[in-house]
Amino acid sequence: MSLINRFISEQGKILSRRINRLTLKQQRLITLAIKQARILSFLPFRNYENEKQFQAQSISIITGSRPRKNRHIRQLTEKYNSNRNLRNYNQNLRNNNRNLSSDC
């Protein structure tokens, strides 16, 4: 079991070939051995102890200070309004130019 535990992450996931530095054939054998150990109850399917720690960390992150989203929305609306004002200004200029050219 100590050999198999080297190929499992803290969360109970099977580590990739790249991390294990195994060949494809070796990785397949390790994967089969881990899955059989899980079925035979030598290994848990999930590591609940570490999951509780991760959940506690994620809850503390969520309940901590949140970034203000309204600021970004306000910036976007200001940008949209400035673009709309610019378009209206350009449209008014074009209309004025048409009116002046038609008067001549």
PDB file of N, CA and C in Angstrom:
ATOM      1  N   MET A   1       0.820  -1.194   0.000  1.00  0.00           N
ATOM      2  CA  MET A   1       0.000   0.000   0.000  1.00  0.00           C
ATOM      3  C   MET A   1       0.865   1.259   0.000  1.00  0.00           C
ATOM      4  N   SER A   2       2.028   1.217   0.630  1.00  0.00           N
ATOM      5  CA  SER A   2       2.892   2.395   0.645  1.00  0.00           C
ATOM      6  C   SER A   2       3.382   2.725  -0.758  1.00  0.00           C
ATOM      7  N   LEU A   3       3.581   1.697  -1.582  1.00  0.00           N
ATOM      8  CA  LEU A   3       3.994   1.927  -2.968  1.00  0.00           C
ATOM      9  C   LEU A   3       2.872   2.584  -3.757  1.00  0.00           C
ATOM     10  N   ILE A   4       1.649   2.097  -3.574  1.00  0.00           N
ATOM     11  CA  ILE A   4       0.508   2.653  -4.308  1.00  0.00           C
ATOM     12  C   ILE A   4       0.216   4.085  -3.862  1.00  0.00           C
ATOM     13  N   ASN A   5       0.391   4.360  -2.567  1.00  0.00           N
ATOM     14  CA  ASN A   5       0.107   5.702  -2.051  1.00  0.00           C
ATOM     15  C   ASN A   5       1.010   6.773  -2.667  1.00  0.00           C
ATOM     16  N   ARG A   6       2.156   6.380  -3.186  1.00  0.00           N
ATOM     17  CA  ARG A   6       3.046   7.364  -3.830  1.00  0.00           C
ATOM     18  C   ARG A   6       2.432   7.934  -5.103  1.00  0.00           C
ATOM     19  N   PHE A   7       1.514   7.196  -5.711  1.00  0.00           N
ATOM     20  CA  PHE A   7       0.935   7.588  -6.989  1.00  0.00           C
ATOM     21  C   PHE A   7      -0.445   8.215  -6.852  1.00  0.00           C
ATOM     22  N   ILE A   8      -0.825   8.564  -5.620  1.00  0.00           N
ATOM     23  CA  ILE A   8      -2.127   9.172  -5.361  1.00  0.00           C
ATOM     24  C   ILE A   8      -1.904  10.542  -4.740  1.00  0.00           C
ATOM     25  N   SER A   9      -2.715  11.514  -5.160  1.00  0.00           N
ATOM     26  CA  SER A   9      -2.596  12.862  -4.611  1.00  0.00           C
ATOM     27  C   SER A   9      -3.212  12.933  -3.220  1.00  0.00           C
ATOM     28  N   GLU A  10      -3.105  14.086  -2.586  1.00  0.00           N
ATOM     29  CA  GLU A  10      -3.674  14.288  -1.253  1.00  0.00           C
ATOM     30  C   GLU A  10      -5.187  14.142  -1.261  1.00  0.00           C
ATOM     31  N   GLN A  11      -5.797  14.458  -2.383  1.00  0.00           N
ATOM     32  CA  GLN A  11      -7.255  14.381  -2.489  1.00  0.00           C
ATOM     33  C   GLN A  11      -7.736  12.990  -2.855  1.00  0.00           C
ATOM     34  N   GLY A  12      -6.807  12.066  -3.135  1.00  0.00           N
ATOM     35  CA  GLY A  12      -7.189  10.707  -3.489  1.00  0.00           C
ATOM     36  C   GLY A  12      -7.255  10.472  -4.975  1.00  0.00           C
ATOM     37  N   LYS A  13      -6.770  11.414  -5.775  1.00  0.00           N
ATOM     38  CA  LYS A  13      -6.802  11.256  -7.227  1.00  0.00           C
ATOM     39  C   LYS A  13      -5.518  10.578  -7.708  1.00  0.00           C
ATOM     40  N   ILE A  14      -5.624   9.861  -8.821  1.00  0.00           N
ATOM     41  CA  ILE A  14      -4.455   9.218  -9.421  1.00  0.00           C
ATOM     42  C   ILE A  14      -3.645  10.295 -10.133  1.00  0.00           C
ATOM     43  N   LEU A  15      -2.354  10.346  -9.820  1.00  0.00           N
ATOM     44  CA  LEU A  15      -1.488  11.345 -10.439  1.00  0.00           C
ATOM     45  C   LEU A  15      -1.198  10.969 -11.883  1.00  0.00           C
ATOM     46  N   SER A  16      -0.901  11.966 -12.701  1.00  0.00           N
ATOM     47  CA  SER A  16      -0.689  11.726 -14.130  1.00  0.00           C
ATOM     48  C   SER A  16       0.686  11.115 -14.388  1.00  0.00           C
ATOM     49  N   ARG A  17       0.841  10.625 -15.585  1.00  0.00           N
ATOM     50  CA  ARG A  17       2.119  10.030 -16.012  1.00  0.00           C
ATOM     51  C   ARG A  17       3.249  11.029 -15.942  1.00  0.00           C
ATOM     52  N   ARG A  18       2.943  12.249 -16.312  1.00  0.00           N
ATOM     53  CA  ARG A  18       3.966  13.284 -16.349  1.00  0.00           C
ATOM     54  C   ARG A  18       4.532  13.539 -14.955  1.00  0.00           C
ATOM     55  N   ILE A  19       3.671  13.533 -13.957  1.00  0.00           N
ATOM     56  CA  ILE A  19       4.109  13.763 -12.585  1.00  0.00           C
ATOM     57  C   ILE A  19       4.821  12.524 -12.044  1.00  0.00           C
ATOM     58  N   ASN A  20       4.289  11.339 -12.332  1.00  0.00           N
ATOM     59  CA  ASN A  20       4.873  10.087 -11.844  1.00  0.00           C
ATOM     60  C   ASN A  20       6.142   9.703 -12.575  1.00  0.00           C
ATOM     61  N   ARG A  21       6.317  10.231 -13.776  1.00  0.00           N
ATOM     62  CA  ARG A  21       7.446   9.878 -14.647  1.00  0.00           C
ATOM     63  C   ARG A  21       7.465   8.373 -14.940  1.00  0.00           C
ATOM     64  N   LEU A  22       6.319   7.883 -15.379  1.00  0.00           N
ATOM     65  CA  LEU A  22       6.177   6.480 -15.731  1.00  0.00           C
ATOM     66  C   LEU A  22       5.916   6.345 -17.221  1.00  0.00           C
ATOM     67  N   THR A  23       6.171   5.150 -17.732  1.00  0.00           N
ATOM     68  CA  THR A  23       5.800   4.881 -19.109  1.00  0.00           C
ATOM     69  C   THR A  23       4.299   4.628 -19.162  1.00  0.00           C
ATOM     70  N   LEU A  24       3.767   4.556 -20.359  1.00  0.00           N
ATOM     71  CA  LEU A  24       2.335   4.337 -20.529  1.00  0.00           C
ATOM     72  C   LEU A  24       1.914   2.992 -19.939  1.00  0.00           C
ATOM     73  N   LYS A  25       2.727   1.962 -20.189  1.00  0.00           N
ATOM     74  CA  LYS A  25       2.409   0.625 -19.679  1.00  0.00           C
ATOM     75  C   LYS A  25       2.440   0.604 -18.149  1.00  0.00           C
ATOM     76  N   GLN A  26       3.447   1.256 -17.562  1.00  0.00           N
ATOM     77  CA  GLN A  26       3.541   1.308 -16.102  1.00  0.00           C
ATOM     78  C   GLN A  26       2.366   2.068 -15.500  1.00  0.00           C
ATOM     79  N   GLN A  27       1.979   3.178 -16.151  1.00  0.00           N
ATOM     80  CA  GLN A  27       0.860   3.974 -15.641  1.00  0.00           C
ATOM     81  C   GLN A  27      -0.439   3.186 -15.676  1.00  0.00           C
ATOM     82  N   ARG A  28      -0.634   2.407 -16.739  1.00  0.00           N
ATOM     83  CA  ARG A  28      -1.838   1.572 -16.828  1.00  0.00           C
ATOM     84  C   ARG A  28      -1.876   0.542 -15.709  1.00  0.00           C
ATOM     85  N   LEU A  29      -0.720  -0.072 -15.419  1.00  0.00           N
ATOM     86  CA  LEU A  29      -0.654  -1.062 -14.347  1.00  0.00           C
ATOM     87  C   LEU A  29      -0.922  -0.421 -12.985  1.00  0.00           C
ATOM     88  N   ILE A  30      -0.356   0.747 -12.751  1.00  0.00           N
ATOM     89  CA  ILE A  30      -0.577   1.462 -11.494  1.00  0.00           C
ATOM     90  C   ILE A  30      -2.051   1.826 -11.357  1.00  0.00           C
ATOM     91  N   THR A  31      -2.653   2.303 -12.436  1.00  0.00           N
ATOM     92  CA  THR A  31      -4.068   2.682 -12.412  1.00  0.00           C
ATOM     93  C   THR A  31      -4.943   1.473 -12.076  1.00  0.00           C
ATOM     94  N   LEU A  32      -4.646   0.329 -12.704  1.00  0.00           N
ATOM     95  CA  LEU A  32      -5.396  -0.889 -12.400  1.00  0.00           C
ATOM     96  C   LEU A  32      -5.228  -1.294 -10.938  1.00  0.00           C
ATOM     97  N   ALA A  33      -3.987  -1.209 -10.439  1.00  0.00           N
ATOM     98  CA  ALA A  33      -3.732  -1.599  -9.049  1.00  0.00           C
ATOM     99  C   ALA A  33      -4.478  -0.683  -8.085  1.00  0.00           C
ATOM    100  N   ILE A  34      -4.507   0.617  -8.373  1.00  0.00           N
ATOM    101  CA  ILE A  34      -5.215   1.572  -7.508  1.00  0.00           C
ATOM    102  C   ILE A  34      -6.710   1.296  -7.537  1.00  0.00           C
ATOM    103  N   LYS A  35      -7.262   1.058  -8.722  1.00  0.00           N
ATOM    104  CA  LYS A  35      -8.696   0.794  -8.826  1.00  0.00           C
ATOM    105  C   LYS A  35      -9.076  -0.509  -8.126  1.00  0.00           C
ATOM    106  N   GLN A  36      -8.230  -1.534  -8.237  1.00  0.00           N
ATOM    107  CA  GLN A  36      -8.507  -2.787  -7.545  1.00  0.00           C
ATOM    108  C   GLN A  36      -8.420  -2.597  -6.031  1.00  0.00           C
ATOM    109  N   ALA A  37      -7.452  -1.817  -5.574  1.00  0.00           N
ATOM    110  CA  ALA A  37      -7.315  -1.562  -4.140  1.00  0.00           C
ATOM    111  C   ALA A  37      -8.522  -0.796  -3.620  1.00  0.00           C
ATOM    112  N   ARG A  38      -9.052   0.085  -4.423  1.00  0.00           N
ATOM    113  CA  ARG A  38     -10.256   0.814  -4.012  1.00  0.00           C
ATOM    114  C   ARG A  38     -11.449  -0.128  -3.915  1.00  0.00           C
ATOM    115  N   ILE A  39     -11.590  -1.015  -4.884  1.00  0.00           N
ATOM    116  CA  ILE A  39     -12.715  -1.950  -4.877  1.00  0.00           C
ATOM    117  C   ILE A  39     -12.614  -2.905  -3.685  1.00  0.00           C
ATOM    118  N   LEU A  40     -11.390  -3.317  -3.355  1.00  0.00           N
ATOM    119  CA  LEU A  40     -11.180  -4.244  -2.239  1.00  0.00           C
ATOM    120  C   LEU A  40     -11.128  -3.521  -0.890  1.00  0.00           C
ATOM    121  N   SER A  41     -11.381  -2.231  -0.884  1.00  0.00           N
ATOM    122  CA  SER A  41     -11.433  -1.398   0.325  1.00  0.00           C
ATOM    123  C   SER A  41     -10.085  -1.218   0.999  1.00  0.00           C
ATOM    124  N   PHE A  42      -8.998  -1.378   0.264  1.00  0.00           N
ATOM    125  CA  PHE A  42      -7.687  -1.054   0.823  1.00  0.00           C
ATOM    126  C   PHE A  42      -7.425   0.445   0.740  1.00  0.00           C
ATOM    127  N   LEU A  43      -8.029   1.075  -0.249  1.00  0.00           N
ATOM    128  CA  LEU A  43      -7.907   2.529  -0.426  1.00  0.00           C
ATOM    129  C   LEU A  43      -9.296   3.139  -0.502  1.00  0.00           C
ATOM    130  N   PRO A  44      -9.458   4.341   0.035  1.00  0.00           N
ATOM    131  CA  PRO A  44     -10.754   5.006  -0.117  1.00  0.00           C
ATOM    132  C   PRO A  44     -10.889   5.581  -1.527  1.00  0.00           C
ATOM    133  N   PHE A  45     -12.115   5.726  -1.977  1.00  0.00           N
ATOM    134  CA  PHE A  45     -12.337   6.341  -3.280  1.00  0.00           C
ATOM    135  C   PHE A  45     -12.027   7.833  -3.226  1.00  0.00           C
ATOM    136  N   ARG A  46     -12.303   8.444  -2.063  1.00  0.00           N
ATOM    137  CA  ARG A  46     -12.002   9.860  -1.868  1.00  0.00           C
ATOM    138  C   ARG A  46     -11.360  10.010  -0.502  1.00  0.00           C
ATOM    139  N   ASN A  47     -10.494  10.995  -0.376  1.00  0.00           N
ATOM    140  CA  ASN A  47      -9.836  11.246   0.892  1.00  0.00           C
ATOM    141  C   ASN A  47     -10.629  12.314   1.633  1.00  0.00           C
ATOM    142  N   TYR A  48     -11.512  11.900   2.518  1.00  0.00           N
ATOM    143  CA  TYR A  48     -12.438  12.814   3.176  1.00  0.00           C
ATOM    144  C   TYR A  48     -11.744  13.741   4.165  1.00  0.00           C
ATOM    145  N   GLU A  49     -10.659  13.290   4.800  1.00  0.00           N
ATOM    146  CA  GLU A  49      -9.959  14.144   5.761  1.00  0.00           C
ATOM    147  C   GLU A  49      -9.408  15.383   5.076  1.00  0.00           C
ATOM    148  N   ASN A  50      -8.735  15.180   3.961  1.00  0.00           N
ATOM    149  CA  ASN A  50      -8.189  16.327   3.232  1.00  0.00           C
ATOM    150  C   ASN A  50      -9.288  17.158   2.598  1.00  0.00           C
ATOM    151  N   GLU A  51     -10.387  16.510   2.189  1.00  0.00           N
ATOM    152  CA  GLU A  51     -11.502  17.264   1.612  1.00  0.00           C
ATOM    153  C   GLU A  51     -12.081  18.235   2.630  1.00  0.00           C
ATOM    154  N   LYS A  52     -12.191  17.793   3.896  1.00  0.00           N
ATOM    155  CA  LYS A  52     -12.705  18.681   4.930  1.00  0.00           C
ATOM    156  C   LYS A  52     -11.793  19.883   5.112  1.00  0.00           C
ATOM    157  N   GLN A  53     -10.483  19.654   5.035  1.00  0.00           N
ATOM    158  CA  GLN A  53      -9.537  20.770   5.141  1.00  0.00           C
ATOM    159  C   GLN A  53      -9.708  21.726   3.970  1.00  0.00           C
ATOM    160  N   PHE A  54      -9.843  21.183   2.754  1.00  0.00           N
ATOM    161  CA  PHE A  54     -10.020  22.029   1.579  1.00  0.00           C
ATOM    162  C   PHE A  54     -11.334  22.793   1.650  1.00  0.00           C
ATOM    163  N   GLN A  55     -12.390  22.140   2.134  1.00  0.00           N
ATOM    164  CA  GLN A  55     -13.675  22.822   2.263  1.00  0.00           C
ATOM    165  C   GLN A  55     -13.574  23.949   3.273  1.00  0.00           C
ATOM    166  N   ALA A  56     -12.885  23.712   4.384  1.00  0.00           N
ATOM    167  CA  ALA A  56     -12.726  24.760   5.392  1.00  0.00           C
ATOM    168  C   ALA A  56     -11.954  25.940   4.819  1.00  0.00           C
ATOM    169  N   GLN A  57     -10.927  25.661   4.025  1.00  0.00           N
ATOM    170  CA  GLN A  57     -10.162  26.739   3.402  1.00  0.00           C
ATOM    171  C   GLN A  57     -11.015  27.492   2.398  1.00  0.00           C
ATOM    172  N   SER A  58     -11.795  26.759   1.598  1.00  0.00           N
ATOM    173  CA  SER A  58     -12.603  27.430   0.584  1.00  0.00           C
ATOM    174  C   SER A  58     -13.701  28.265   1.228  1.00  0.00           C
ATOM    175  N   ILE A  59     -14.261  27.784   2.347  1.00  0.00           N
ATOM    176  CA  ILE A  59     -15.286  28.564   3.039  1.00  0.00           C
ATOM    177  C   ILE A  59     -14.688  29.841   3.593  1.00  0.00           C
ATOM    178  N   SER A  60     -13.481  29.753   4.146  1.00  0.00           N
ATOM    179  CA  SER A  60     -12.846  30.961   4.675  1.00  0.00           C
ATOM    180  C   SER A  60     -12.514  31.935   3.556  1.00  0.00           C
ATOM    181  N   ILE A  61     -12.183  31.412   2.391  1.00  0.00           N
ATOM    182  CA  ILE A  61     -11.908  32.292   1.251  1.00  0.00           C
ATOM    183  C   ILE A  61     -13.199  32.969   0.796  1.00  0.00           C
ATOM    184  N   ILE A  62     -14.291  32.202   0.757  1.00  0.00           N
ATOM    185  CA  ILE A  62     -15.565  32.751   0.291  1.00  0.00           C
ATOM    186  C   ILE A  62     -16.100  33.794   1.267  1.00  0.00           C
ATOM    187  N   THR A  63     -15.996  33.499   2.565  1.00  0.00           N
ATOM    188  CA  THR A  63     -16.555  34.428   3.547  1.00  0.00           C
ATOM    189  C   THR A  63     -15.643  35.620   3.805  1.00  0.00           C
ATOM    190  N   GLY A  64     -14.443  35.596   3.283  1.00  0.00           N
ATOM    191  CA  GLY A  64     -13.528  36.717   3.463  1.00  0.00           C
ATOM    192  C   GLY A  64     -13.991  37.921   2.651  1.00  0.00           C
ATOM    193  N   SER A  65     -13.117  38.915   2.562  1.00  0.00           N
ATOM    194  CA  SER A  65     -13.488  40.127   1.827  1.00  0.00           C
ATOM    195  C   SER A  65     -13.644  39.816   0.347  1.00  0.00           C
ATOM    196  N   ARG A  66     -14.720  40.276  -0.220  1.00  0.00           N
ATOM    197  CA  ARG A  66     -15.009  40.036  -1.632  1.00  0.00           C
ATOM    198  C   ARG A  66     -14.635  41.267  -2.438  1.00  0.00           C
ATOM    199  N   PRO A  67     -14.171  41.056  -3.655  1.00  0.00           N
ATOM    200  CA  PRO A  67     -13.890  42.220  -4.498  1.00  0.00           C
ATOM    201  C   PRO A  67     -15.191  42.902  -4.913  1.00  0.00           C
ATOM    202  N   ARG A  68     -15.132  44.197  -5.042  1.00  0.00           N
ATOM    203  CA  ARG A  68     -16.337  44.929  -5.428  1.00  0.00           C
ATOM    204  C   ARG A  68     -16.556  44.779  -6.919  1.00  0.00           C
ATOM    205  N   LYS A  69     -17.683  44.199  -7.282  1.00  0.00           N
ATOM    206  CA  LYS A  69     -17.991  43.993  -8.687  1.00  0.00           C
ATOM    207  C   LYS A  69     -18.640  45.230  -9.298  1.00  0.00           C
ATOM    208  N   ASN A  70     -19.306  46.013  -8.476  1.00  0.00           N
ATOM    209  CA  ASN A  70     -20.012  47.181  -8.993  1.00  0.00           C
ATOM    210  C   ASN A  70     -19.058  48.170  -9.650  1.00  0.00           C
ATOM    211  N   ARG A  71     -17.832  48.235  -9.131  1.00  0.00           N
ATOM    212  CA  ARG A  71     -16.871  49.176  -9.701  1.00  0.00           C
ATOM    213  C   ARG A  71     -16.626  48.863 -11.168  1.00  0.00           C
ATOM    214  N   HIS A  72     -16.480  47.570 -11.491  1.00  0.00           N
ATOM    215  CA  HIS A  72     -16.232  47.184 -12.875  1.00  0.00           C
ATOM    216  C   HIS A  72     -17.462  47.457 -13.740  1.00  0.00           C
ATOM    217  N   ILE A  73     -18.632  47.203 -13.190  1.00  0.00           N
ATOM    218  CA  ILE A  73     -19.859  47.457 -13.936  1.00  0.00           C
ATOM    219  C   ILE A  73     -20.002  48.947 -14.194  1.00  0.00           C
ATOM    220  N   ARG A  74     -19.668  49.748 -13.182  1.00  0.00           N
ATOM    221  CA  ARG A  74     -19.753  51.196 -13.350  1.00  0.00           C
ATOM    222  C   ARG A  74     -18.791  51.662 -14.444  1.00  0.00           C
ATOM    223  N   GLN A  75     -17.570  51.115 -14.447  1.00  0.00           N
ATOM    224  CA  GLN A  75     -16.609  51.497 -15.479  1.00  0.00           C
ATOM    225  C   GLN A  75     -17.112  51.112 -16.868  1.00  0.00           C
ATOM    226  N   LEU A  76     -17.707  49.927 -16.973  1.00  0.00           N
ATOM    227  CA  LEU A  76     -18.221  49.503 -18.270  1.00  0.00           C
ATOM    228  C   LEU A  76     -19.373  50.388 -18.730  1.00  0.00           C
ATOM    229  N   THR A  77     -20.266  50.742 -17.798  1.00  0.00           N
ATOM    230  CA  THR A  77     -21.383  51.598 -18.204  1.00  0.00           C
ATOM    231  C   THR A  77     -20.902  52.983 -18.576  1.00  0.00           C
ATOM    232  N   GLU A  78     -19.897  53.486 -17.853  1.00  0.00           N
ATOM    233  CA  GLU A  78     -19.342  54.797 -18.217  1.00  0.00           C
ATOM    234  C   GLU A  78     -18.717  54.747 -19.600  1.00  0.00           C
ATOM    235  N   LYS A  79     -17.990  53.657 -19.877  1.00  0.00           N
ATOM    236  CA  LYS A  79     -17.368  53.501 -21.181  1.00  0.00           C
ATOM    237  C   LYS A  79     -18.440  53.400 -22.264  1.00  0.00           C
ATOM    238  N   TYR A  80     -19.500  52.627 -21.993  1.00  0.00           N
ATOM    239  CA  TYR A  80     -20.578  52.482 -22.955  1.00  0.00           C
ATOM    240  C   TYR A  80     -21.261  53.826 -23.200  1.00  0.00           C
ATOM    241  N   ASN A  81     -21.518  54.564 -22.108  1.00  0.00           N
ATOM    242  CA  ASN A  81     -22.178  55.864 -22.252  1.00  0.00           C
ATOM    243  C   ASN A  81     -21.293  56.842 -22.993  1.00  0.00           C
ATOM    244  N   SER A  82     -19.981  56.817 -22.727  1.00  0.00           N
ATOM    245  CA  SER A  82     -19.095  57.738 -23.435  1.00  0.00           C
ATOM    246  C   SER A  82     -19.047  57.390 -24.916  1.00  0.00           C
ATOM    247  N   ASN A  83     -19.043  56.084 -25.244  1.00  0.00           N
ATOM    248  CA  ASN A  83     -19.066  55.684 -26.649  1.00  0.00           C
ATOM    249  C   ASN A  83     -20.380  56.089 -27.306  1.00  0.00           C
ATOM    250  N   ARG A  84     -21.481  55.931 -26.575  1.00  0.00           N
ATOM    251  CA  ARG A  84     -22.775  56.314 -27.117  1.00  0.00           C
ATOM    252  C   ARG A  84     -22.838  57.821 -27.327  1.00  0.00           C
ATOM    253  N   ASN A  85     -22.310  58.585 -26.366  1.00  0.00           N
ATOM    254  CA  ASN A  85     -22.280  60.038 -26.525  1.00  0.00           C
ATOM    255  C   ASN A  85     -21.427  60.443 -27.717  1.00  0.00           C
ATOM    256  N   LEU A  86     -20.299  59.770 -27.904  1.00  0.00           N
ATOM    257  CA  LEU A  86     -19.430  60.058 -29.041  1.00  0.00           C
ATOM    258  C   LEU A  86     -20.142  59.741 -30.354  1.00  0.00           C
ATOM    259  N   ARG A  87     -20.856  58.613 -30.402  1.00  0.00           N
ATOM    260  CA  ARG A  87     -21.602  58.271 -31.607  1.00  0.00           C
ATOM    261  C   ARG A  87     -22.693  59.298 -31.892  1.00  0.00           C
ATOM    262  N   ASN A  88     -23.387  59.725 -30.847  1.00  0.00           N
ATOM    263  CA  ASN A  88     -24.419  60.748 -31.026  1.00  0.00           C
ATOM    264  C   ASN A  88     -23.817  62.055 -31.516  1.00  0.00           C
ATOM    265  N   TYR A  89     -22.678  62.420 -30.969  1.00  0.00           N
ATOM    266  CA  TYR A  89     -22.010  63.657 -31.373  1.00  0.00           C
ATOM    267  C   TYR A  89     -21.611  63.578 -32.850  1.00  0.00           C
ATOM    268  N   ASN A  90     -21.023  62.417 -33.247  1.00  0.00           N
ATOM    269  CA  ASN A  90     -20.630  62.246 -34.652  1.00  0.00           C
ATOM    270  C   ASN A  90     -21.846  62.260 -35.572  1.00  0.00           C
ATOM    271  N   GLN A  91     -22.928  61.652 -35.134  1.00  0.00           N
ATOM    272  CA  GLN A  91     -24.156  61.642 -35.934  1.00  0.00           C
ATOM    273  C   GLN A  91     -24.697  63.064 -36.098  1.00  0.00           C
ATOM    274  N   ASN A  92     -24.661  63.838 -35.030  1.00  0.00           N
ATOM    275  CA  ASN A  92     -25.112  65.224 -35.111  1.00  0.00           C
ATOM    276  C   ASN A  92     -24.244  66.035 -36.054  1.00  0.00           C
ATOM    277  N   LEU A  93     -22.942  65.811 -36.018  1.00  0.00           N
ATOM    278  CA  LEU A  93     -22.038  66.512 -36.944  1.00  0.00           C
ATOM    279  C   LEU A  93     -22.364  66.168 -38.391  1.00  0.00           C
ATOM    280  N   ARG A  94     -22.584  64.879 -38.661  1.00  0.00           N
ATOM    281  CA  ARG A  94     -22.929  64.470 -40.021  1.00  0.00           C
ATOM    282  C   ARG A  94     -24.236  65.101 -40.472  1.00  0.00           C
ATOM    283  N   ASN A  95     -25.216  65.118 -39.582  1.00  0.00           N
ATOM    284  CA  ASN A  95     -26.493  65.744 -39.938  1.00  0.00           C
ATOM    285  C   ASN A  95     -26.324  67.232 -40.211  1.00  0.00           C
ATOM    286  N   ASN A  96     -25.524  67.887 -39.386  1.00  0.00           N
ATOM    287  CA  ASN A  96     -25.279  69.332 -39.606  1.00  0.00           C
ATOM    288  C   ASN A  96     -24.573  69.569 -40.925  1.00  0.00           C
ATOM    289  N   ASN A  97     -23.598  68.707 -41.251  1.00  0.00           N
ATOM    290  CA  ASN A  97     -22.899  68.849 -42.528  1.00  0.00           C
ATOM    291  C   ASN A  97     -23.851  68.628 -43.696  1.00  0.00           C
ATOM    292  N   ARG A  98     -24.737  67.661 -43.584  1.00  0.00           N
ATOM    293  CA  ARG A  98     -25.714  67.426 -44.655  1.00  0.00           C
ATOM    294  C   ARG A  98     -26.632  68.638 -44.811  1.00  0.00           C
ATOM    295  N   ASN A  99     -27.062  69.181 -43.686  1.00  0.00           N
ATOM    296  CA  ASN A  99     -27.947  70.343 -43.736  1.00  0.00           C
ATOM    297  C   ASN A  99     -27.233  71.544 -44.380  1.00  0.00           C
ATOM    298  N   LEU A 100     -25.976  71.708 -44.035  1.00  0.00           N
ATOM    299  CA  LEU A 100     -25.216  72.834 -44.623  1.00  0.00           C
ATOM    300  C   LEU A 100     -24.995  72.628 -46.106  1.00  0.00           C
ATOM    301  N   SER A 101     -24.695  71.402 -46.518  1.00  0.00           N
ATOM    302  CA  SER A 101     -24.451  71.149 -47.938  1.00  0.00           C
ATOM    303  C   SER A 101     -25.739  71.264 -48.747  1.00  0.00           C
ATOM    304  N   SER A 102     -26.868  70.903 -48.162  1.00  0.00           N
ATOM    305  CA  SER A 102     -28.127  71.016 -48.884  1.00  0.00           C
ATOM    306  C   SER A 102     -28.562  72.465 -48.999  1.00  0.00           C
ATOM    307  N   ASP A 103     -28.181  73.314 -48.053  1.00  0.00           N
ATOM    308  CA  ASP A 103     -28.531  74.732 -48.091  1.00  0.00           C
ATOM    309  C   ASP A 103     -27.782  75.459 -49.205  1.00  0.00           C
ATOM    310  N   CYS A 104     -26.606  74.984 -49.541  1.00  0.00           N
ATOM    311  CA  CYS A 104     -25.796  75.661 -50.542  1.00  0.00           C
ATOM    312  C   CYS A 104     -26.257  75.358 -51.885  1.00  0.00           C
TER     313      CYS A 104
END
